[in-house]
Amino acid sequence: CAIQDSFRVITLNEADYYLSYAPVDIGVWHILALNSGTIIITLL
C-alpha cells in the first residue's frame, strides 16, 4: 500500500474508472479488524 501510495504503480483507464491510478486509503480500525477477525475465525 505504501509503494502504491508513493509511486502509483497500478494505473487505471480514467475514462472507465474516473481515476488515472488506484488510490489506497488505510484505516487503522480496518487493519485491526482484519487481523483480529482472521485469528478468531481461523481458531474457531
Full PDB file with SEQRES, HELIX, SHEET, SSBOND, CRYST1, ORIGX, SCALE, CONECT and MASTER records, all heavy atoms in Angstrom:
SEQRES   1 A   44  CYS ALA ILE GLN ASP SER PHE ARG VAL ILE THR LEU ASN          
SEQRES   2 A   44  GLU ALA ASP TYR TYR LEU SER TYR ALA PRO VAL ASP ILE          
SEQRES   3 A   44  GLY VAL TRP HIS ILE LEU ALA LEU ASN SER GLY THR ILE          
SEQRES   4 A   44  ILE ILE THR LEU LEU                                          
HELIX    1 AA1 ALA A    2  PHE A    7  1                                   6    
HELIX    2 AA2 GLU A   14  TYR A   17  1                                   4    
HELIX    3 AA3 VAL A   28  LEU A   43  1                                  16    
CRYST1    1.000    1.000    1.000  90.00  90.00  90.00 P 1           1          
ORIGX1      1.000000  0.000000  0.000000        0.00000                         
ORIGX2      0.000000  1.000000  0.000000        0.00000                         
ORIGX3      0.000000  0.000000  1.000000        0.00000                         
SCALE1      1.000000  0.000000  0.000000        0.00000                         
SCALE2      0.000000  1.000000  0.000000        0.00000                         
SCALE3      0.000000  0.000000  1.000000        0.00000                         
ATOM      1  N   CYS A   1       0.833  -1.212   0.000  1.00  0.00           N  
ATOM      2  CA  CYS A   1       0.000   0.000   0.000  1.00  0.00           C  
ATOM      3  C   CYS A   1       0.867   1.262   0.000  1.00  0.00           C  
ATOM      4  O   CYS A   1       0.548   2.243  -0.691  1.00  0.00           O  
ATOM      5  CB  CYS A   1      -0.922  -0.007   1.220  1.00  0.00           C  
ATOM      6  SG  CYS A   1      -2.238  -1.243   1.153  1.00  0.00           S  
ATOM      7  N   ALA A   2       1.945   1.238   0.785  1.00  0.00           N  
ATOM      8  CA  ALA A   2       2.838   2.397   0.823  1.00  0.00           C  
ATOM      9  C   ALA A   2       3.499   2.632  -0.532  1.00  0.00           C  
ATOM     10  O   ALA A   2       3.640   3.775  -0.984  1.00  0.00           O  
ATOM     11  CB  ALA A   2       3.896   2.198   1.908  1.00  0.00           C  
ATOM     12  N   ILE A   3       3.892   1.554  -1.197  1.00  0.00           N  
ATOM     13  CA  ILE A   3       4.511   1.687  -2.527  1.00  0.00           C  
ATOM     14  C   ILE A   3       3.512   2.260  -3.524  1.00  0.00           C  
ATOM     15  O   ILE A   3       3.838   3.173  -4.298  1.00  0.00           O  
ATOM     16  CB  ILE A   3       5.027   0.310  -3.008  1.00  0.00           C  
ATOM     17  CG1 ILE A   3       6.216  -0.131  -2.153  1.00  0.00           C  
ATOM     18  CG2 ILE A   3       5.430   0.367  -4.482  1.00  0.00           C  
ATOM     19  CD1 ILE A   3       6.668  -1.547  -2.424  1.00  0.00           C  
ATOM     20  N   GLN A   4       2.273   1.754  -3.501  1.00  0.00           N  
ATOM     21  CA  GLN A   4       1.254   2.257  -4.424  1.00  0.00           C  
ATOM     22  C   GLN A   4       0.925   3.721  -4.137  1.00  0.00           C  
ATOM     23  O   GLN A   4       0.744   4.526  -5.058  1.00  0.00           O  
ATOM     24  CB  GLN A   4      -0.011   1.400  -4.329  1.00  0.00           C  
ATOM     25  CG  GLN A   4      -1.182   1.893  -5.157  1.00  0.00           C  
ATOM     26  CD  GLN A   4      -0.907   1.898  -6.644  1.00  0.00           C  
ATOM     27  OE1 GLN A   4      -0.005   1.212  -7.121  1.00  0.00           O  
ATOM     28  NE2 GLN A   4      -1.659   2.695  -7.395  1.00  0.00           N  
ATOM     29  N   ASP A   5       0.856   4.076  -2.863  1.00  0.00           N  
ATOM     30  CA  ASP A   5       0.539   5.450  -2.492  1.00  0.00           C  
ATOM     31  C   ASP A   5       1.644   6.415  -2.913  1.00  0.00           C  
ATOM     32  O   ASP A   5       1.363   7.556  -3.293  1.00  0.00           O  
ATOM     33  CB  ASP A   5       0.306   5.532  -0.985  1.00  0.00           C  
ATOM     34  CG  ASP A   5      -0.245   6.879  -0.549  1.00  0.00           C  
ATOM     35  OD1 ASP A   5      -1.178   7.373  -1.206  1.00  0.00           O  
ATOM     36  OD2 ASP A   5       0.262   7.451   0.438  1.00  0.00           O  
ATOM     37  N   SER A   6       2.884   5.963  -2.861  1.00  0.00           N  
ATOM     38  CA  SER A   6       4.011   6.845  -3.183  1.00  0.00           C  
ATOM     39  C   SER A   6       4.325   6.882  -4.679  1.00  0.00           C  
ATOM     40  O   SER A   6       4.613   7.951  -5.230  1.00  0.00           O  
ATOM     41  CB  SER A   6       5.259   6.397  -2.409  1.00  0.00           C  
ATOM     42  OG  SER A   6       5.042   6.433  -1.018  1.00  0.00           O  
ATOM     43  N   PHE A   7       4.250   5.737  -5.338  1.00  0.00           N  
ATOM     44  CA  PHE A   7       4.712   5.652  -6.730  1.00  0.00           C  
ATOM     45  C   PHE A   7       3.592   5.380  -7.742  1.00  0.00           C  
ATOM     46  O   PHE A   7       3.836   5.431  -8.940  1.00  0.00           O  
ATOM     47  CB  PHE A   7       5.783   4.559  -6.848  1.00  0.00           C  
ATOM     48  CG  PHE A   7       6.967   4.769  -5.946  1.00  0.00           C  
ATOM     49  CD1 PHE A   7       7.114   4.019  -4.790  1.00  0.00           C  
ATOM     50  CD2 PHE A   7       7.914   5.740  -6.235  1.00  0.00           C  
ATOM     51  CE1 PHE A   7       8.200   4.212  -3.946  1.00  0.00           C  
ATOM     52  CE2 PHE A   7       9.006   5.934  -5.398  1.00  0.00           C  
ATOM     53  CZ  PHE A   7       9.153   5.174  -4.254  1.00  0.00           C  
ATOM     54  N   ARG A   8       2.382   5.085  -7.256  1.00  0.00           N  
ATOM     55  CA  ARG A   8       1.229   4.859  -8.135  1.00  0.00           C  
ATOM     56  C   ARG A   8       1.556   3.858  -9.237  1.00  0.00           C  
ATOM     57  O   ARG A   8       1.408   4.138 -10.428  1.00  0.00           O  
ATOM     58  CB  ARG A   8       0.750   6.184  -8.727  1.00  0.00           C  
ATOM     59  CG  ARG A   8       0.327   7.179  -7.653  1.00  0.00           C  
ATOM     60  CD  ARG A   8      -0.159   8.493  -8.200  1.00  0.00           C  
ATOM     61  NE  ARG A   8      -0.602   9.359  -7.126  1.00  0.00           N  
ATOM     62  CZ  ARG A   8      -1.049  10.610  -7.297  1.00  0.00           C  
ATOM     63  NH1 ARG A   8      -1.116  11.108  -8.529  1.00  0.00           N  
ATOM     64  NH2 ARG A   8      -1.435  11.335  -6.268  1.00  0.00           N  
ATOM     65  N   VAL A   9       2.002   2.699  -8.799  1.00  0.00           N  
ATOM     66  CA  VAL A   9       2.415   1.644  -9.728  1.00  0.00           C  
ATOM     67  C   VAL A   9       1.233   1.136 -10.547  1.00  0.00           C  
ATOM     68  O   VAL A   9       1.331   0.913 -11.751  1.00  0.00           O  
ATOM     69  CB  VAL A   9       3.070   0.486  -8.949  1.00  0.00           C  
ATOM     70  CG1 VAL A   9       3.460  -0.636  -9.904  1.00  0.00           C  
ATOM     71  CG2 VAL A   9       4.284   0.982  -8.167  1.00  0.00           C  
ATOM     72  N   ILE A  10       0.079   0.947  -9.884  1.00  0.00           N  
ATOM     73  CA  ILE A  10      -1.111   0.435 -10.567  1.00  0.00           C  
ATOM     74  C   ILE A  10      -1.860   1.602 -11.188  1.00  0.00           C  
ATOM     75  O   ILE A  10      -2.329   2.503 -10.480  1.00  0.00           O  
ATOM     76  CB  ILE A  10      -2.031  -0.320  -9.592  1.00  0.00           C  
ATOM     77  CG1 ILE A  10      -1.278  -1.470  -8.916  1.00  0.00           C  
ATOM     78  CG2 ILE A  10      -3.260  -0.854 -10.318  1.00  0.00           C  
ATOM     79  CD1 ILE A  10      -2.080  -2.170  -7.844  1.00  0.00           C  
ATOM     80  N   THR A  11      -1.950   1.616 -12.496  1.00  0.00           N  
ATOM     81  CA  THR A  11      -2.657   2.681 -13.206  1.00  0.00           C  
ATOM     82  C   THR A  11      -4.006   2.166 -13.712  1.00  0.00           C  
ATOM     83  O   THR A  11      -4.213   0.970 -13.867  1.00  0.00           O  
ATOM     84  CB  THR A  11      -1.820   3.194 -14.389  1.00  0.00           C  
ATOM     85  OG1 THR A  11      -1.539   2.102 -15.278  1.00  0.00           O  
ATOM     86  CG2 THR A  11      -0.501   3.784 -13.899  1.00  0.00           C  
ATOM     87  N   LEU A  12      -4.919   3.101 -13.964  1.00  0.00           N  
ATOM     88  CA  LEU A  12      -6.255   2.763 -14.434  1.00  0.00           C  
ATOM     89  C   LEU A  12      -6.601   3.577 -15.667  1.00  0.00           C  
ATOM     90  O   LEU A  12      -6.000   4.636 -15.915  1.00  0.00           O  
ATOM     91  CB  LEU A  12      -7.293   3.047 -13.328  1.00  0.00           C  
ATOM     92  CG  LEU A  12      -7.130   2.319 -11.998  1.00  0.00           C  
ATOM     93  CD1 LEU A  12      -8.136   2.848 -10.989  1.00  0.00           C  
ATOM     94  CD2 LEU A  12      -7.302   0.816 -12.167  1.00  0.00           C  
ATOM     95  N   ASN A  13      -7.576   3.090 -16.394  1.00  0.00           N  
ATOM     96  CA  ASN A  13      -8.123   3.844 -17.523  1.00  0.00           C  
ATOM     97  C   ASN A  13      -9.104   4.870 -16.956  1.00  0.00           C  
ATOM     98  O   ASN A  13     -10.171   4.518 -16.470  1.00  0.00           O  
ATOM     99  CB  ASN A  13      -8.832   2.901 -18.496  1.00  0.00           C  
ATOM    100  CG  ASN A  13      -9.314   3.618 -19.743  1.00  0.00           C  
ATOM    101  OD1 ASN A  13      -9.474   4.841 -19.755  1.00  0.00           O  
ATOM    102  ND2 ASN A  13      -9.542   2.871 -20.804  1.00  0.00           N  
ATOM    103  N   GLU A  14      -8.722   6.132 -17.010  1.00  0.00           N  
ATOM    104  CA  GLU A  14      -9.516   7.181 -16.370  1.00  0.00           C  
ATOM    105  C   GLU A  14     -10.915   7.284 -16.968  1.00  0.00           C  
ATOM    106  O   GLU A  14     -11.873   7.626 -16.275  1.00  0.00           O  
ATOM    107  CB  GLU A  14      -8.791   8.524 -16.489  1.00  0.00           C  
ATOM    108  CG  GLU A  14      -9.332   9.589 -15.561  1.00  0.00           C  
ATOM    109  CD  GLU A  14      -8.447  10.814 -15.516  1.00  0.00           C  
ATOM    110  OE1 GLU A  14      -7.918  11.213 -16.579  1.00  0.00           O  
ATOM    111  OE2 GLU A  14      -8.273  11.390 -14.427  1.00  0.00           O  
ATOM    112  N   ALA A  15     -11.058   6.990 -18.244  1.00  0.00           N  
ATOM    113  CA  ALA A  15     -12.375   7.073 -18.891  1.00  0.00           C  
ATOM    114  C   ALA A  15     -13.345   6.047 -18.312  1.00  0.00           C  
ATOM    115  O   ALA A  15     -14.553   6.278 -18.265  1.00  0.00           O  
ATOM    116  CB  ALA A  15     -12.232   6.878 -20.392  1.00  0.00           C  
ATOM    117  N   ASP A  16     -12.826   4.915 -17.860  1.00  0.00           N  
ATOM    118  CA  ASP A  16     -13.674   3.852 -17.335  1.00  0.00           C  
ATOM    119  C   ASP A  16     -13.835   3.912 -15.819  1.00  0.00           C  
ATOM    120  O   ASP A  16     -14.907   3.592 -15.289  1.00  0.00           O  
ATOM    121  CB  ASP A  16     -13.111   2.478 -17.714  1.00  0.00           C  
ATOM    122  CG  ASP A  16     -13.143   2.240 -19.216  1.00  0.00           C  
ATOM    123  OD1 ASP A  16     -14.052   2.771 -19.879  1.00  0.00           O  
ATOM    124  OD2 ASP A  16     -12.249   1.531 -19.716  1.00  0.00           O  
ATOM    125  N   TYR A  17     -12.773   4.304 -15.110  1.00  0.00           N  
ATOM    126  CA  TYR A  17     -12.782   4.241 -13.647  1.00  0.00           C  
ATOM    127  C   TYR A  17     -12.767   5.610 -12.974  1.00  0.00           C  
ATOM    128  O   TYR A  17     -12.729   5.682 -11.747  1.00  0.00           O  
ATOM    129  CB  TYR A  17     -11.581   3.428 -13.159  1.00  0.00           C  
ATOM    130  CG  TYR A  17     -11.622   1.983 -13.588  1.00  0.00           C  
ATOM    131  CD1 TYR A  17     -10.914   1.535 -14.701  1.00  0.00           C  
ATOM    132  CD2 TYR A  17     -12.378   1.055 -12.887  1.00  0.00           C  
ATOM    133  CE1 TYR A  17     -10.949   0.207 -15.106  1.00  0.00           C  
ATOM    134  CE2 TYR A  17     -12.421  -0.282 -13.277  1.00  0.00           C  
ATOM    135  CZ  TYR A  17     -11.704  -0.695 -14.393  1.00  0.00           C  
ATOM    136  OH  TYR A  17     -11.744  -2.004 -14.781  1.00  0.00           O  
ATOM    137  N   TYR A  18     -12.766   6.705 -13.740  1.00  0.00           N  
ATOM    138  CA  TYR A  18     -12.772   8.069 -13.204  1.00  0.00           C  
ATOM    139  C   TYR A  18     -11.465   8.440 -12.498  1.00  0.00           C  
ATOM    140  O   TYR A  18     -11.355   9.531 -11.934  1.00  0.00           O  
ATOM    141  CB  TYR A  18     -13.931   8.285 -12.223  1.00  0.00           C  
ATOM    142  CG  TYR A  18     -15.283   7.954 -12.780  1.00  0.00           C  
ATOM    143  CD1 TYR A  18     -16.180   7.192 -12.047  1.00  0.00           C  
ATOM    144  CD2 TYR A  18     -15.687   8.402 -14.035  1.00  0.00           C  
ATOM    145  CE1 TYR A  18     -17.436   6.878 -12.554  1.00  0.00           C  
ATOM    146  CE2 TYR A  18     -16.938   8.103 -14.548  1.00  0.00           C  
ATOM    147  CZ  TYR A  18     -17.804   7.337 -13.808  1.00  0.00           C  
ATOM    148  OH  TYR A  18     -19.038   7.036 -14.299  1.00  0.00           O  
ATOM    149  N   LEU A  19     -10.499   7.531 -12.500  1.00  0.00           N  
ATOM    150  CA  LEU A  19      -9.217   7.774 -11.842  1.00  0.00           C  
ATOM    151  C   LEU A  19      -8.102   7.277 -12.743  1.00  0.00           C  
ATOM    152  O   LEU A  19      -8.268   6.282 -13.456  1.00  0.00           O  
ATOM    153  CB  LEU A  19      -9.141   7.055 -10.492  1.00  0.00           C  
ATOM    154  CG  LEU A  19     -10.115   7.503  -9.401  1.00  0.00           C  
ATOM    155  CD1 LEU A  19     -10.112   6.504  -8.253  1.00  0.00           C  
ATOM    156  CD2 LEU A  19      -9.763   8.886  -8.891  1.00  0.00           C  
ATOM    157  N   SER A  20      -6.959   7.946 -12.698  1.00  0.00           N  
ATOM    158  CA  SER A  20      -5.827   7.533 -13.526  1.00  0.00           C  
ATOM    159  C   SER A  20      -4.921   6.542 -12.818  1.00  0.00           C  
ATOM    160  O   SER A  20      -4.019   5.982 -13.423  1.00  0.00           O  
ATOM    161  CB  SER A  20      -5.008   8.777 -13.922  1.00  0.00           C  
ATOM    162  OG  SER A  20      -4.535   9.457 -12.769  1.00  0.00           O  
ATOM    163  N   TYR A  21      -5.153   6.324 -11.526  1.00  0.00           N  
ATOM    164  CA  TYR A  21      -4.364   5.365 -10.750  1.00  0.00           C  
ATOM    165  C   TYR A  21      -5.241   4.789  -9.651  1.00  0.00           C  
ATOM    166  O   TYR A  21      -6.328   5.309  -9.362  1.00  0.00           O  
ATOM    167  CB  TYR A  21      -3.132   6.035 -10.137  1.00  0.00           C  
ATOM    168  CG  TYR A  21      -3.468   7.030  -9.051  1.00  0.00           C  
ATOM    169  CD1 TYR A  21      -3.423   6.668  -7.707  1.00  0.00           C  
ATOM    170  CD2 TYR A  21      -3.844   8.334  -9.366  1.00  0.00           C  
ATOM    171  CE1 TYR A  21      -3.749   7.570  -6.708  1.00  0.00           C  
ATOM    172  CE2 TYR A  21      -4.178   9.237  -8.381  1.00  0.00           C  
ATOM    173  CZ  TYR A  21      -4.128   8.849  -7.055  1.00  0.00           C  
ATOM    174  OH  TYR A  21      -4.466   9.741  -6.065  1.00  0.00           O  
ATOM    175  N   ALA A  22      -4.803   3.699  -9.061  1.00  0.00           N  
ATOM    176  CA  ALA A  22      -5.559   3.056  -7.982  1.00  0.00           C  
ATOM    177  C   ALA A  22      -5.162   3.686  -6.648  1.00  0.00           C  
ATOM    178  O   ALA A  22      -4.029   3.481  -6.182  1.00  0.00           O  
ATOM    179  CB  ALA A  22      -5.281   1.555  -7.970  1.00  0.00           C  
ATOM    180  N   PRO A  23      -6.046   4.450  -6.021  1.00  0.00           N  
ATOM    181  CA  PRO A  23      -5.705   5.080  -4.738  1.00  0.00           C  
ATOM    182  C   PRO A  23      -5.845   4.093  -3.583  1.00  0.00           C  
ATOM    183  O   PRO A  23      -6.602   3.117  -3.682  1.00  0.00           O  
ATOM    184  CB  PRO A  23      -6.737   6.201  -4.625  1.00  0.00           C  
ATOM    185  CG  PRO A  23      -7.922   5.664  -5.352  1.00  0.00           C  
ATOM    186  CD  PRO A  23      -7.393   4.797  -6.472  1.00  0.00           C  
ATOM    187  N   VAL A  24      -5.132   4.340  -2.520  1.00  0.00           N  
ATOM    188  CA  VAL A  24      -5.248   3.498  -1.327  1.00  0.00           C  
ATOM    189  C   VAL A  24      -5.589   4.368  -0.130  1.00  0.00           C  
ATOM    190  O   VAL A  24      -5.174   5.525  -0.042  1.00  0.00           O  
ATOM    191  CB  VAL A  24      -3.940   2.716  -1.045  1.00  0.00           C  
ATOM    192  CG1 VAL A  24      -3.682   1.702  -2.130  1.00  0.00           C  
ATOM    193  CG2 VAL A  24      -2.751   3.644  -0.901  1.00  0.00           C  
ATOM    194  N   ASP A  25      -6.379   3.826   0.759  1.00  0.00           N  
ATOM    195  CA  ASP A  25      -6.747   4.521   1.990  1.00  0.00           C  
ATOM    196  C   ASP A  25      -6.719   3.501   3.115  1.00  0.00           C  
ATOM    197  O   ASP A  25      -7.569   2.608   3.172  1.00  0.00           O  
ATOM    198  CB  ASP A  25      -8.124   5.162   1.857  1.00  0.00           C  
ATOM    199  CG  ASP A  25      -8.527   5.918   3.116  1.00  0.00           C  
ATOM    200  OD1 ASP A  25      -7.649   6.529   3.742  1.00  0.00           O  
ATOM    201  OD2 ASP A  25      -9.718   5.873   3.486  1.00  0.00           O  
ATOM    202  N   ILE A  26      -5.739   3.607   3.968  1.00  0.00           N  
ATOM    203  CA  ILE A  26      -5.539   2.629   5.045  1.00  0.00           C  
ATOM    204  C   ILE A  26      -6.207   3.142   6.318  1.00  0.00           C  
ATOM    205  O   ILE A  26      -5.887   4.229   6.807  1.00  0.00           O  
ATOM    206  CB  ILE A  26      -4.045   2.387   5.302  1.00  0.00           C  
ATOM    207  CG1 ILE A  26      -3.367   1.869   4.029  1.00  0.00           C  
ATOM    208  CG2 ILE A  26      -3.853   1.406   6.439  1.00  0.00           C  
ATOM    209  CD1 ILE A  26      -1.866   1.768   4.140  1.00  0.00           C  
ATOM    210  N   GLY A  27      -7.137   2.356   6.826  1.00  0.00           N  
ATOM    211  CA  GLY A  27      -7.790   2.693   8.084  1.00  0.00           C  
ATOM    212  C   GLY A  27      -7.260   1.809   9.206  1.00  0.00           C  
ATOM    213  O   GLY A  27      -7.214   0.582   9.067  1.00  0.00           O  
ATOM    214  N   VAL A  28      -6.857   2.422  10.300  1.00  0.00           N  
ATOM    215  CA  VAL A  28      -6.275   1.667  11.415  1.00  0.00           C  
ATOM    216  C   VAL A  28      -7.265   0.629  11.938  1.00  0.00           C  
ATOM    217  O   VAL A  28      -6.909  -0.537  12.175  1.00  0.00           O  
ATOM    218  CB  VAL A  28      -5.861   2.624  12.551  1.00  0.00           C  
ATOM    219  CG1 VAL A  28      -5.357   1.821  13.766  1.00  0.00           C  
ATOM    220  CG2 VAL A  28      -4.774   3.579  12.069  1.00  0.00           C  
ATOM    221  N   TRP A  29      -8.530   1.049  12.091  1.00  0.00           N  
ATOM    222  CA  TRP A  29      -9.520   0.125  12.638  1.00  0.00           C  
ATOM    223  C   TRP A  29      -9.795  -1.025  11.676  1.00  0.00           C  
ATOM    224  O   TRP A  29     -10.097  -2.149  12.112  1.00  0.00           O  
ATOM    225  CB  TRP A  29     -10.808   0.879  12.977  1.00  0.00           C  
ATOM    226  CG  TRP A  29     -10.654   1.795  14.143  1.00  0.00           C  
ATOM    227  CD1 TRP A  29     -10.640   3.167  14.123  1.00  0.00           C  
ATOM    228  CD2 TRP A  29     -10.451   1.419  15.511  1.00  0.00           C  
ATOM    229  NE1 TRP A  29     -10.453   3.666  15.390  1.00  0.00           N  
ATOM    230  CE2 TRP A  29     -10.337   2.626  16.260  1.00  0.00           C  
ATOM    231  CE3 TRP A  29     -10.364   0.195  16.170  1.00  0.00           C  
ATOM    232  CZ2 TRP A  29     -10.142   2.615  17.631  1.00  0.00           C  
ATOM    233  CZ3 TRP A  29     -10.172   0.192  17.553  1.00  0.00           C  
ATOM    234  CH2 TRP A  29     -10.067   1.382  18.272  1.00  0.00           C  
ATOM    235  N   HIS A  30      -9.707  -0.759  10.377  1.00  0.00           N  
ATOM    236  CA  HIS A  30      -9.908  -1.840   9.412  1.00  0.00           C  
ATOM    237  C   HIS A  30      -8.774  -2.858   9.482  1.00  0.00           C  
ATOM    238  O   HIS A  30      -9.008  -4.070   9.374  1.00  0.00           O  
ATOM    239  CB  HIS A  30     -10.013  -1.261   7.997  1.00  0.00           C  
ATOM    240  CG  HIS A  30     -11.273  -0.502   7.752  1.00  0.00           C  
ATOM    241  ND1 HIS A  30     -11.421   0.809   8.127  1.00  0.00           N  
ATOM    242  CD2 HIS A  30     -12.459  -0.878   7.183  1.00  0.00           C  
ATOM    243  CE1 HIS A  30     -12.636   1.222   7.799  1.00  0.00           C  
ATOM    244  NE2 HIS A  30     -13.280   0.224   7.230  1.00  0.00           N  
ATOM    245  N   ILE A  31      -7.549  -2.371   9.676  1.00  0.00           N  
ATOM    246  CA  ILE A  31      -6.404  -3.275   9.799  1.00  0.00           C  
ATOM    247  C   ILE A  31      -6.541  -4.131  11.062  1.00  0.00           C  
ATOM    248  O   ILE A  31      -6.322  -5.354  11.036  1.00  0.00           O  
ATOM    249  CB  ILE A  31      -5.086  -2.484   9.841  1.00  0.00           C  
ATOM    250  CG1 ILE A  31      -4.925  -1.630   8.577  1.00  0.00           C  
ATOM    251  CG2 ILE A  31      -3.898  -3.425  10.001  1.00  0.00           C  
ATOM    252  CD1 ILE A  31      -4.906  -2.426   7.297  1.00  0.00           C  
ATOM    253  N   LEU A  32      -6.935  -3.500  12.158  1.00  0.00           N  
ATOM    254  CA  LEU A  32      -7.127  -4.251  13.405  1.00  0.00           C  
ATOM    255  C   LEU A  32      -8.249  -5.272  13.254  1.00  0.00           C  
ATOM    256  O   LEU A  32      -8.145  -6.403  13.759  1.00  0.00           O  
ATOM    257  CB  LEU A  32      -7.443  -3.283  14.551  1.00  0.00           C  
ATOM    258  CG  LEU A  32      -6.311  -2.340  14.981  1.00  0.00           C  
ATOM    259  CD1 LEU A  32      -6.797  -1.379  16.055  1.00  0.00           C  
ATOM    260  CD2 LEU A  32      -5.105  -3.133  15.486  1.00  0.00           C  
ATOM    261  N   ALA A  33      -9.337  -4.884  12.563  1.00  0.00           N  
ATOM    262  CA  ALA A  33     -10.453  -5.805  12.370  1.00  0.00           C  
ATOM    263  C   ALA A  33     -10.040  -7.002  11.514  1.00  0.00           C  
ATOM    264  O   ALA A  33     -10.423  -8.146  11.807  1.00  0.00           O  
ATOM    265  CB  ALA A  33     -11.627  -5.069  11.717  1.00  0.00           C  
ATOM    266  N   LEU A  34      -9.239  -6.768  10.476  1.00  0.00           N  
ATOM    267  CA  LEU A  34      -8.789  -7.877   9.633  1.00  0.00           C  
ATOM    268  C   LEU A  34      -7.890  -8.830  10.410  1.00  0.00           C  
ATOM    269  O   LEU A  34      -8.012 -10.056  10.292  1.00  0.00           O  
ATOM    270  CB  LEU A  34      -8.046  -7.328   8.413  1.00  0.00           C  
ATOM    271  CG  LEU A  34      -8.901  -6.632   7.344  1.00  0.00           C  
ATOM    272  CD1 LEU A  34      -8.012  -6.016   6.271  1.00  0.00           C  
ATOM    273  CD2 LEU A  34      -9.877  -7.612   6.712  1.00  0.00           C  
ATOM    274  N   ASN A  35      -6.990  -8.285  11.210  1.00  0.00           N  
ATOM    275  CA  ASN A  35      -6.092  -9.128  11.991  1.00  0.00           C  
ATOM    276  C   ASN A  35      -6.842  -9.935  13.041  1.00  0.00           C  
ATOM    277  O   ASN A  35      -6.679 -11.160  13.144  1.00  0.00           O  
ATOM    278  CB  ASN A  35      -5.020  -8.263  12.665  1.00  0.00           C  
ATOM    279  CG  ASN A  35      -3.879  -7.914  11.741  1.00  0.00           C  
ATOM    280  OD1 ASN A  35      -2.874  -8.605  11.669  1.00  0.00           O  
ATOM    281  ND2 ASN A  35      -4.025  -6.818  10.999  1.00  0.00           N  
ATOM    282  N   SER A  36      -7.668  -9.248  13.821  1.00  0.00           N  
ATOM    283  CA  SER A  36      -8.396  -9.945  14.878  1.00  0.00           C  
ATOM    284  C   SER A  36      -9.409 -10.924  14.291  1.00  0.00           C  
ATOM    285  O   SER A  36      -9.580 -12.038  14.803  1.00  0.00           O  
ATOM    286  CB  SER A  36      -9.099  -8.931  15.790  1.00  0.00           C  
ATOM    287  OG  SER A  36      -9.990  -8.111  15.045  1.00  0.00           O  
ATOM    288  N   GLY A  37     -10.086 -10.522  13.204  1.00  0.00           N  
ATOM    289  CA  GLY A  37     -11.051 -11.409  12.566  1.00  0.00           C  
ATOM    290  C   GLY A  37     -10.397 -12.667  12.022  1.00  0.00           C  
ATOM    291  O   GLY A  37     -10.944 -13.769  12.148  1.00  0.00           O  
ATOM    292  N   THR A  38      -9.212 -12.514  11.419  1.00  0.00           N  
ATOM    293  CA  THR A  38      -8.507 -13.671  10.859  1.00  0.00           C  
ATOM    294  C   THR A  38      -8.133 -14.679  11.935  1.00  0.00           C  
ATOM    295  O   THR A  38      -8.376 -15.883  11.790  1.00  0.00           O  
ATOM    296  CB  THR A  38      -7.237 -13.215  10.117  1.00  0.00           C  
ATOM    297  OG1 THR A  38      -7.606 -12.344   9.042  1.00  0.00           O  
ATOM    298  CG2 THR A  38      -6.485 -14.409   9.553  1.00  0.00           C  
ATOM    299  N   ILE A  39      -7.563 -14.202  13.016  1.00  0.00           N  
ATOM    300  CA  ILE A  39      -7.118 -15.145  14.053  1.00  0.00           C  
ATOM    301  C   ILE A  39      -8.301 -15.775  14.785  1.00  0.00           C  
ATOM    302  O   ILE A  39      -8.292 -16.975  15.088  1.00  0.00           O  
ATOM    303  CB  ILE A  39      -6.155 -14.450  15.049  1.00  0.00           C  
ATOM    304  CG1 ILE A  39      -5.485 -15.506  15.934  1.00  0.00           C  
ATOM    305  CG2 ILE A  39      -6.864 -13.405  15.890  1.00  0.00           C  
ATOM    306  CD1 ILE A  39      -4.312 -14.963  16.727  1.00  0.00           C  
ATOM    307  N   ILE A  40      -9.369 -15.016  15.029  1.00  0.00           N  
ATOM    308  CA  ILE A  40     -10.529 -15.571  15.745  1.00  0.00           C  
ATOM    309  C   ILE A  40     -11.248 -16.608  14.883  1.00  0.00           C  
ATOM    310  O   ILE A  40     -11.553 -17.719  15.336  1.00  0.00           O  
ATOM    311  CB  ILE A  40     -11.489 -14.439  16.166  1.00  0.00           C  
ATOM    312  CG1 ILE A  40     -10.842 -13.570  17.252  1.00  0.00           C  
ATOM    313  CG2 ILE A  40     -12.814 -15.023  16.662  1.00  0.00           C  
ATOM    314  CD1 ILE A  40     -11.632 -12.317  17.583  1.00  0.00           C  
ATOM    315  N   ILE A  41     -11.534 -16.229  13.625  1.00  0.00           N  
ATOM    316  CA  ILE A  41     -12.272 -17.145  12.735  1.00  0.00           C  
ATOM    317  C   ILE A  41     -11.459 -18.411  12.467  1.00  0.00           C  
ATOM    318  O   ILE A  41     -11.987 -19.530  12.486  1.00  0.00           O  
ATOM    319  CB  ILE A  41     -12.625 -16.433  11.414  1.00  0.00           C  
ATOM    320  CG1 ILE A  41     -13.649 -15.328  11.688  1.00  0.00           C  
ATOM    321  CG2 ILE A  41     -13.165 -17.425  10.392  1.00  0.00           C  
ATOM    322  CD1 ILE A  41     -13.945 -14.449  10.483  1.00  0.00           C  
ATOM    323  N   THR A  42     -10.162 -18.243  12.242  1.00  0.00           N  
ATOM    324  CA  THR A  42      -9.324 -19.409  11.961  1.00  0.00           C  
ATOM    325  C   THR A  42      -9.275 -20.358  13.145  1.00  0.00           C  
ATOM    326  O   THR A  42      -9.423 -21.585  12.994  1.00  0.00           O  
ATOM    327  CB  THR A  42      -7.896 -18.963  11.588  1.00  0.00           C  
ATOM    328  OG1 THR A  42      -7.951 -18.043  10.500  1.00  0.00           O  
ATOM    329  CG2 THR A  42      -7.049 -20.152  11.166  1.00  0.00           C  
ATOM    330  N   LEU A  43      -9.087 -19.825  14.340  1.00  0.00           N  
ATOM    331  CA  LEU A  43      -9.030 -20.676  15.526  1.00  0.00           C  
ATOM    332  C   LEU A  43     -10.369 -21.355  15.793  1.00  0.00           C  
ATOM    333  O   LEU A  43     -10.408 -22.510  16.251  1.00  0.00           O  
ATOM    334  CB  LEU A  43      -8.598 -19.854  16.742  1.00  0.00           C  
ATOM    335  CG  LEU A  43      -7.110 -19.445  16.774  1.00  0.00           C  
ATOM    336  CD1 LEU A  43      -6.836 -18.549  17.969  1.00  0.00           C  
ATOM    337  CD2 LEU A  43      -6.215 -20.683  16.811  1.00  0.00           C  
ATOM    338  N   LEU A  44     -11.464 -20.661  15.511  1.00  0.00           N  
ATOM    339  CA  LEU A  44     -12.775 -21.280  15.696  1.00  0.00           C  
ATOM    340  C   LEU A  44     -12.945 -22.481  14.771  1.00  0.00           C  
ATOM    341  O   LEU A  44     -13.460 -23.537  15.179  1.00  0.00           O  
ATOM    342  CB  LEU A  44     -13.886 -20.258  15.447  1.00  0.00           C  
ATOM    343  CG  LEU A  44     -14.117 -19.215  16.552  1.00  0.00           C  
ATOM    344  CD1 LEU A  44     -15.157 -18.199  16.123  1.00  0.00           C  
ATOM    345  CD2 LEU A  44     -14.549 -19.890  17.854  1.00  0.00           C  
TER     346      LEU A  44                                                      
MASTER        0    0    0    3    0    0    0    6  345    1    0    4          
END                                                                             
